[in-house]
Amino acid sequence: FFTASPDRYAALFDSRQLVIHFAVVLGAFGSIYL
């Protein structure tokens, strides 16, 4: 916490949002195909 920048943790959109979008879209098309 001494050297950490607050901006390091303050991202409003991160890889987790991208992951859930990718998984929903690709998962939906993949399940329909199956």
All heavy atoms as atom14 arrays in JSON, in Angstrom:
{
  "sequence": "FFTASPDRYAALFDSRQLVIHFAVVLGAFGSIYL",
  "atom14_mask": [
    [1, 1, 1, 1, 1, 1, 1, 1, 1, 1, 1, 0, 0, 0],
    [1, 1, 1, 1, 1, 1, 1, 1, 1, 1, 1, 0, 0, 0],
    [1, 1, 1, 1, 1, 1, 1, 0, 0, 0, 0, 0, 0, 0],
    [1, 1, 1, 1, 1, 0, 0, 0, 0, 0, 0, 0, 0, 0],
    [1, 1, 1, 1, 1, 1, 0, 0, 0, 0, 0, 0, 0, 0],
    [1, 1, 1, 1, 1, 1, 1, 0, 0, 0, 0, 0, 0, 0],
    [1, 1, 1, 1, 1, 1, 1, 1, 0, 0, 0, 0, 0, 0],
    [1, 1, 1, 1, 1, 1, 1, 1, 1, 1, 1, 0, 0, 0],
    [1, 1, 1, 1, 1, 1, 1, 1, 1, 1, 1, 1, 0, 0],
    [1, 1, 1, 1, 1, 0, 0, 0, 0, 0, 0, 0, 0, 0],
    [1, 1, 1, 1, 1, 0, 0, 0, 0, 0, 0, 0, 0, 0],
    [1, 1, 1, 1, 1, 1, 1, 1, 0, 0, 0, 0, 0, 0],
    [1, 1, 1, 1, 1, 1, 1, 1, 1, 1, 1, 0, 0, 0],
    [1, 1, 1, 1, 1, 1, 1, 1, 0, 0, 0, 0, 0, 0],
    [1, 1, 1, 1, 1, 1, 0, 0, 0, 0, 0, 0, 0, 0],
    [1, 1, 1, 1, 1, 1, 1, 1, 1, 1, 1, 0, 0, 0],
    [1, 1, 1, 1, 1, 1, 1, 1, 1, 0, 0, 0, 0, 0],
    [1, 1, 1, 1, 1, 1, 1, 1, 0, 0, 0, 0, 0, 0],
    [1, 1, 1, 1, 1, 1, 1, 0, 0, 0, 0, 0, 0, 0],
    [1, 1, 1, 1, 1, 1, 1, 1, 0, 0, 0, 0, 0, 0],
    [1, 1, 1, 1, 1, 1, 1, 1, 1, 1, 0, 0, 0, 0],
    [1, 1, 1, 1, 1, 1, 1, 1, 1, 1, 1, 0, 0, 0],
    [1, 1, 1, 1, 1, 0, 0, 0, 0, 0, 0, 0, 0, 0],
    [1, 1, 1, 1, 1, 1, 1, 0, 0, 0, 0, 0, 0, 0],
    [1, 1, 1, 1, 1, 1, 1, 0, 0, 0, 0, 0, 0, 0],
    [1, 1, 1, 1, 1, 1, 1, 1, 0, 0, 0, 0, 0, 0],
    [1, 1, 1, 1, 0, 0, 0, 0, 0, 0, 0, 0, 0, 0],
    [1, 1, 1, 1, 1, 0, 0, 0, 0, 0, 0, 0, 0, 0],
    [1, 1, 1, 1, 1, 1, 1, 1, 1, 1, 1, 0, 0, 0],
    [1, 1, 1, 1, 0, 0, 0, 0, 0, 0, 0, 0, 0, 0],
    [1, 1, 1, 1, 1, 1, 0, 0, 0, 0, 0, 0, 0, 0],
    [1, 1, 1, 1, 1, 1, 1, 1, 0, 0, 0, 0, 0, 0],
    [1, 1, 1, 1, 1, 1, 1, 1, 1, 1, 1, 1, 0, 0],
    [1, 1, 1, 1, 1, 1, 1, 1, 0, 0, 0, 0, 0, 0]
  ],
  "atom14_positions": [
    [[0.81, -1.22, 0.0], [0.0, 0.0, 0.0], [0.85, 1.27, 0.0], [0.38, 2.33, -0.42], [-0.96, 0.0, 1.2], [-0.32, 0.24, 2.53], [-0.32, 1.51, 3.09], [0.31, -0.8, 3.22], [0.26, 1.74, 4.33], [0.89, -0.57, 4.46], [0.87, 0.7, 5.01], [0.0, 0.0, 0.0], [0.0, 0.0, 0.0], [0.0, 0.0, 0.0]],
    [[2.12, 1.18, 0.43], [2.98, 2.36, 0.43], [3.25, 2.87, -0.99], [3.2, 4.06, -1.26], [4.31, 2.07, 1.12], [4.23, 2.13, 2.63], [4.49, 1.0, 3.38], [3.91, 3.3, 3.28], [4.42, 1.04, 4.76], [3.85, 3.35, 4.66], [4.1, 2.22, 5.4], [0.0, 0.0, 0.0], [0.0, 0.0, 0.0], [0.0, 0.0, 0.0]],
    [[3.56, 1.94, -1.89], [3.96, 2.34, -3.24], [2.83, 2.22, -4.27], [2.97, 2.7, -5.38], [5.14, 1.46, -3.72], [4.76, 0.08, -3.65], [6.36, 1.71, -2.84], [0.0, 0.0, 0.0], [0.0, 0.0, 0.0], [0.0, 0.0, 0.0], [0.0, 0.0, 0.0], [0.0, 0.0, 0.0], [0.0, 0.0, 0.0], [0.0, 0.0, 0.0]],
    [[1.73, 1.56, -3.9], [0.63, 1.35, -4.85], [-0.06, 2.67, -5.17], [-0.26, 3.52, -4.3], [-0.37, 0.36, -4.29], [0.0, 0.0, 0.0], [0.0, 0.0, 0.0], [0.0, 0.0, 0.0], [0.0, 0.0, 0.0], [0.0, 0.0, 0.0], [0.0, 0.0, 0.0], [0.0, 0.0, 0.0], [0.0, 0.0, 0.0], [0.0, 0.0, 0.0]],
    [[-0.44, 2.83, -6.45], [-1.21, 3.99, -6.87], [-2.69, 3.67, -6.79], [-3.11, 2.57, -7.18], [-0.84, 4.37, -8.3], [-1.76, 5.3, -8.82], [0.0, 0.0, 0.0], [0.0, 0.0, 0.0], [0.0, 0.0, 0.0], [0.0, 0.0, 0.0], [0.0, 0.0, 0.0], [0.0, 0.0, 0.0], [0.0, 0.0, 0.0], [0.0, 0.0, 0.0]],
    [[-3.53, 4.59, -6.32], [-4.97, 4.31, -6.28], [-5.56, 4.07, -7.66], [-6.53, 3.31, -7.8], [-5.55, 5.58, -5.63], [-4.51, 6.63, -5.8], [-3.2, 5.91, -5.75], [0.0, 0.0, 0.0], [0.0, 0.0, 0.0], [0.0, 0.0, 0.0], [0.0, 0.0, 0.0], [0.0, 0.0, 0.0], [0.0, 0.0, 0.0], [0.0, 0.0, 0.0]],
    [[-4.97, 4.66, -8.68], [-5.46, 4.46, -10.05], [-5.27, 3.02, -10.52], [-5.95, 2.58, -11.45], [-4.76, 5.41, -11.02], [-5.12, 6.86, -10.75], [-6.23, 7.11, -10.24], [-4.28, 7.74, -11.03], [0.0, 0.0, 0.0], [0.0, 0.0, 0.0], [0.0, 0.0, 0.0], [0.0, 0.0, 0.0], [0.0, 0.0, 0.0], [0.0, 0.0, 0.0]],
    [[-4.35, 2.32, -9.89], [-4.1, 0.93, -10.27], [-5.33, 0.06, -10.02], [-5.55, -0.93, -10.72], [-2.91, 0.4, -9.46], [-2.61, -1.08, -9.64], [-1.44, -1.49, -8.77], [-1.17, -2.92, -8.86], [-0.24, -3.55, -8.16], [0.54, -2.85, -7.33], [-0.05, -4.84, -8.29], [0.0, 0.0, 0.0], [0.0, 0.0, 0.0], [0.0, 0.0, 0.0]],
    [[-6.16, 0.43, -9.06], [-7.32, -0.38, -8.69], [-8.64, 0.27, -9.09], [-9.7, -0.28, -8.79], [-7.33, -0.6, -7.17], [-6.05, -1.17, -6.63], [-5.14, -0.36, -5.95], [-5.72, -2.51, -6.82], [-3.94, -0.89, -5.45], [-4.54, -3.04, -6.33], [-3.65, -2.21, -5.65], [-2.47, -2.73, -5.18], [0.0, 0.0, 0.0], [0.0, 0.0, 0.0]],
    [[-8.58, 1.41, -9.77], [-9.8, 2.2, -10.0], [-10.37, 2.05, -11.4], [-11.22, 2.85, -11.81], [-9.51, 3.68, -9.72], [0.0, 0.0, 0.0], [0.0, 0.0, 0.0], [0.0, 0.0, 0.0], [0.0, 0.0, 0.0], [0.0, 0.0, 0.0], [0.0, 0.0, 0.0], [0.0, 0.0, 0.0], [0.0, 0.0, 0.0], [0.0, 0.0, 0.0]],
    [[-9.96, 1.04, -12.14], [-10.49, 0.85, -13.5], [-11.98, 0.5, -13.45], [-12.39, -0.41, -12.74], [-9.72, -0.25, -14.22], [0.0, 0.0, 0.0], [0.0, 0.0, 0.0], [0.0, 0.0, 0.0], [0.0, 0.0, 0.0], [0.0, 0.0, 0.0], [0.0, 0.0, 0.0], [0.0, 0.0, 0.0], [0.0, 0.0, 0.0], [0.0, 0.0, 0.0]],
    [[-12.79, 1.25, -14.2], [-14.23, 1.0, -14.19], [-14.61, -0.17, -15.08], [-15.57, -0.88, -14.81], [-14.97, 2.27, -14.65], [-14.75, 3.5, -13.77], [-15.52, 4.69, -14.32], [-15.16, 3.21, -12.33], [0.0, 0.0, 0.0], [0.0, 0.0, 0.0], [0.0, 0.0, 0.0], [0.0, 0.0, 0.0], [0.0, 0.0, 0.0], [0.0, 0.0, 0.0]],
    [[-13.85, -0.38, -16.15], [-14.07, -1.53, -17.03], [-12.75, -2.29, -17.13], [-11.71, -1.7, -17.38], [-14.54, -1.08, -18.42], [-15.9, -0.45, -18.42], [-16.04, 0.91, -18.31], [-17.03, -1.24, -18.49], [-17.29, 1.5, -18.3], [-18.29, -0.67, -18.47], [-18.43, 0.71, -18.37], [0.0, 0.0, 0.0], [0.0, 0.0, 0.0], [0.0, 0.0, 0.0]],
    [[-12.81, -3.58, -16.92], [-11.6, -4.38, -16.94], [-11.83, -5.67, -17.72], [-12.87, -5.84, -18.38], [-11.13, -4.68, -15.51], [-12.23, -5.3, -14.66], [-13.12, -5.98, -15.22], [-12.21, -5.1, -13.44], [0.0, 0.0, 0.0], [0.0, 0.0, 0.0], [0.0, 0.0, 0.0], [0.0, 0.0, 0.0], [0.0, 0.0, 0.0], [0.0, 0.0, 0.0]],
    [[-10.87, -6.57, -17.63], [-10.93, -7.81, -18.4], [-12.11, -8.69, -18.0], [-12.58, -9.5, -18.79], [-9.63, -8.59, -18.23], [-9.41, -8.92, -16.87], [0.0, 0.0, 0.0], [0.0, 0.0, 0.0], [0.0, 0.0, 0.0], [0.0, 0.0, 0.0], [0.0, 0.0, 0.0], [0.0, 0.0, 0.0], [0.0, 0.0, 0.0], [0.0, 0.0, 0.0]],
    [[-12.61, -8.53, -16.78], [-13.72, -9.36, -16.34], [-14.98, -9.06, -17.14], [-15.74, -9.97, -17.49], [-13.97, -9.14, -14.84], [-12.77, -9.46, -13.98], [-13.05, -9.16, -12.53], [-14.01, -10.09, -11.99], [-13.7, -11.31, -11.55], [-12.46, -11.74, -11.59], [-14.62, -12.1, -11.06], [0.0, 0.0, 0.0], [0.0, 0.0, 0.0], [0.0, 0.0, 0.0]],
    [[-15.24, -7.77, -17.45], [-16.38, -7.43, -18.28], [-16.23, -7.99, -19.69], [-17.17, -8.48, -20.29], [-16.57, -5.92, -18.33], [-17.26, -5.34, -17.11], [-16.28, -4.96, -16.03], [-15.14, -5.39, -16.04], [-16.72, -4.14, -15.09], [0.0, 0.0, 0.0], [0.0, 0.0, 0.0], [0.0, 0.0, 0.0], [0.0, 0.0, 0.0], [0.0, 0.0, 0.0]],
    [[-15.0, -7.9, -20.22], [-14.74, -8.44, -21.56], [-14.96, -9.95, -21.58], [-15.51, -10.49, -22.54], [-13.31, -8.09, -21.99], [-12.99, -6.6, -22.16], [-11.53, -6.42, -22.52], [-13.88, -5.98, -23.22], [0.0, 0.0, 0.0], [0.0, 0.0, 0.0], [0.0, 0.0, 0.0], [0.0, 0.0, 0.0], [0.0, 0.0, 0.0], [0.0, 0.0, 0.0]],
    [[-14.53, -10.61, -20.52], [-14.67, -12.07, -20.46], [-16.14, -12.46, -20.47], [-16.55, -13.37, -21.2], [-13.98, -12.62, -19.19], [-14.43, -14.05, -18.9], [-12.48, -12.59, -19.37], [0.0, 0.0, 0.0], [0.0, 0.0, 0.0], [0.0, 0.0, 0.0], [0.0, 0.0, 0.0], [0.0, 0.0, 0.0], [0.0, 0.0, 0.0], [0.0, 0.0, 0.0]],
    [[-16.95, -11.79, -19.67], [-18.35, -12.19, -19.59], [-19.08, -11.91, -20.91], [-19.94, -12.69, -21.33], [-19.06, -11.52, -18.4], [-20.33, -12.3, -18.05], [-19.4, -10.07, -18.67], [-20.93, -11.93, -16.72], [0.0, 0.0, 0.0], [0.0, 0.0, 0.0], [0.0, 0.0, 0.0], [0.0, 0.0, 0.0], [0.0, 0.0, 0.0], [0.0, 0.0, 0.0]],
    [[-18.73, -10.82, -21.59], [-19.32, -10.56, -22.9], [-18.92, -11.64, -23.91], [-19.76, -12.16, -24.65], [-18.87, -9.18, -23.41], [-19.63, -8.05, -22.83], [-19.26, -7.42, -21.67], [-20.75, -7.41, -23.25], [-20.1, -6.45, -21.4], [-21.01, -6.42, -22.33], [0.0, 0.0, 0.0], [0.0, 0.0, 0.0], [0.0, 0.0, 0.0], [0.0, 0.0, 0.0]],
    [[-17.64, -11.94, -23.94], [-17.13, -12.94, -24.87], [-17.77, -14.3, -24.61], [-18.2, -14.99, -25.54], [-15.61, -13.04, -24.73], [-14.97, -14.07, -25.61], [-14.72, -13.82, -26.95], [-14.63, -15.32, -25.1], [-14.14, -14.78, -27.77], [-14.05, -16.29, -25.9], [-13.8, -16.02, -27.25], [0.0, 0.0, 0.0], [0.0, 0.0, 0.0], [0.0, 0.0, 0.0]],
    [[-17.84, -14.68, -23.33], [-18.39, -16.0, -22.99], [-19.88, -16.09, -23.3], [-20.36, -17.13, -23.76], [-18.14, -16.3, -21.51], [0.0, 0.0, 0.0], [0.0, 0.0, 0.0], [0.0, 0.0, 0.0], [0.0, 0.0, 0.0], [0.0, 0.0, 0.0], [0.0, 0.0, 0.0], [0.0, 0.0, 0.0], [0.0, 0.0, 0.0], [0.0, 0.0, 0.0]],
    [[-20.63, -15.01, -23.07], [-22.06, -15.02, -23.35], [-22.31, -15.18, -24.85], [-23.11, -16.03, -25.28], [-22.72, -13.73, -22.84], [-24.13, -13.58, -23.41], [-22.79, -13.74, -21.32], [0.0, 0.0, 0.0], [0.0, 0.0, 0.0], [0.0, 0.0, 0.0], [0.0, 0.0, 0.0], [0.0, 0.0, 0.0], [0.0, 0.0, 0.0], [0.0, 0.0, 0.0]],
    [[-21.62, -14.38, -25.66], [-21.85, -14.41, -27.11], [-21.39, -15.73, -27.71], [-22.16, -16.42, -28.4], [-21.14, -13.22, -27.8], [-21.25, -13.34, -29.31], [-21.73, -11.91, -27.31], [0.0, 0.0, 0.0], [0.0, 0.0, 0.0], [0.0, 0.0, 0.0], [0.0, 0.0, 0.0], [0.0, 0.0, 0.0], [0.0, 0.0, 0.0], [0.0, 0.0, 0.0]],
    [[-20.13, -16.1, -27.45], [-19.61, -17.32, -28.03], [-20.31, -18.54, -27.45], [-20.58, -19.52, -28.18], [-18.1, -17.41, -27.76], [-17.35, -18.55, -28.49], [-17.53, -18.41, -30.0], [-15.88, -18.54, -28.13], [0.0, 0.0, 0.0], [0.0, 0.0, 0.0], [0.0, 0.0, 0.0], [0.0, 0.0, 0.0], [0.0, 0.0, 0.0], [0.0, 0.0, 0.0]],
    [[-20.62, -18.51, -26.17], [-21.32, -19.63, -25.54], [-22.71, -19.81, -26.11], [-23.16, -20.95, -26.31], [0.0, 0.0, 0.0], [0.0, 0.0, 0.0], [0.0, 0.0, 0.0], [0.0, 0.0, 0.0], [0.0, 0.0, 0.0], [0.0, 0.0, 0.0], [0.0, 0.0, 0.0], [0.0, 0.0, 0.0], [0.0, 0.0, 0.0], [0.0, 0.0, 0.0]],
    [[-23.41, -18.71, -26.38], [-24.76, -18.8, -26.94], [-24.73, -19.42, -28.33], [-25.49, -20.36, -28.63], [-25.4, -17.42, -27.0], [0.0, 0.0, 0.0], [0.0, 0.0, 0.0], [0.0, 0.0, 0.0], [0.0, 0.0, 0.0], [0.0, 0.0, 0.0], [0.0, 0.0, 0.0], [0.0, 0.0, 0.0], [0.0, 0.0, 0.0], [0.0, 0.0, 0.0]],
    [[-23.84, -18.94, -29.2], [-23.74, -19.49, -30.54], [-23.28, -20.95, -30.51], [-23.78, -21.8, -31.27], [-22.79, -18.66, -31.4], [-23.37, -17.38, -31.89], [-22.95, -16.16, -31.38], [-24.37, -17.38, -32.86], [-23.5, -14.97, -31.82], [-24.92, -16.19, -33.32], [-24.49, -14.98, -32.79], [0.0, 0.0, 0.0], [0.0, 0.0, 0.0], [0.0, 0.0, 0.0]],
    [[-22.31, -21.24, -29.62], [-21.83, -22.61, -29.53], [-22.89, -23.58, -29.05], [-23.01, -24.7, -29.56], [0.0, 0.0, 0.0], [0.0, 0.0, 0.0], [0.0, 0.0, 0.0], [0.0, 0.0, 0.0], [0.0, 0.0, 0.0], [0.0, 0.0, 0.0], [0.0, 0.0, 0.0], [0.0, 0.0, 0.0], [0.0, 0.0, 0.0], [0.0, 0.0, 0.0]],
    [[-23.68, -23.17, -28.06], [-24.72, -24.06, -27.55], [-25.83, -24.29, -28.58], [-26.37, -25.38, -28.7], [-25.31, -23.48, -26.26], [-25.93, -22.24, -26.5], [0.0, 0.0, 0.0], [0.0, 0.0, 0.0], [0.0, 0.0, 0.0], [0.0, 0.0, 0.0], [0.0, 0.0, 0.0], [0.0, 0.0, 0.0], [0.0, 0.0, 0.0], [0.0, 0.0, 0.0]],
    [[-26.16, -23.23, -29.35], [-27.17, -23.39, -30.42], [-26.68, -24.39, -31.46], [-27.44, -25.25, -31.94], [-27.46, -22.02, -31.07], [-28.21, -21.12, -30.09], [-28.27, -22.21, -32.36], [-28.4, -19.7, -30.6], [0.0, 0.0, 0.0], [0.0, 0.0, 0.0], [0.0, 0.0, 0.0], [0.0, 0.0, 0.0], [0.0, 0.0, 0.0], [0.0, 0.0, 0.0]],
    [[-25.39, -24.29, -31.79], [-24.82, -25.24, -32.76], [-24.88, -26.66, -32.22], [-25.24, -27.6, -32.95], [-23.37, -24.85, -33.07], [-22.69, -25.82, -34.01], [-22.87, -25.73, -35.38], [-21.88, -26.85, -33.51], [-22.26, -26.63, -36.24], [-21.26, -27.74, -34.36], [-21.45, -27.63, -35.72], [-20.85, -28.53, -36.56], [0.0, 0.0, 0.0], [0.0, 0.0, 0.0]],
    [[-24.54, -26.84, -30.95], [-24.57, -28.18, -30.36], [-25.98, -28.77, -30.37], [-26.17, -29.95, -30.67], [-24.06, -28.13, -28.91], [-22.56, -27.9, -28.72], [-22.24, -27.76, -27.23], [-21.75, -29.05, -29.31], [0.0, 0.0, 0.0], [0.0, 0.0, 0.0], [0.0, 0.0, 0.0], [0.0, 0.0, 0.0], [0.0, 0.0, 0.0], [0.0, 0.0, 0.0]]
  ]
}
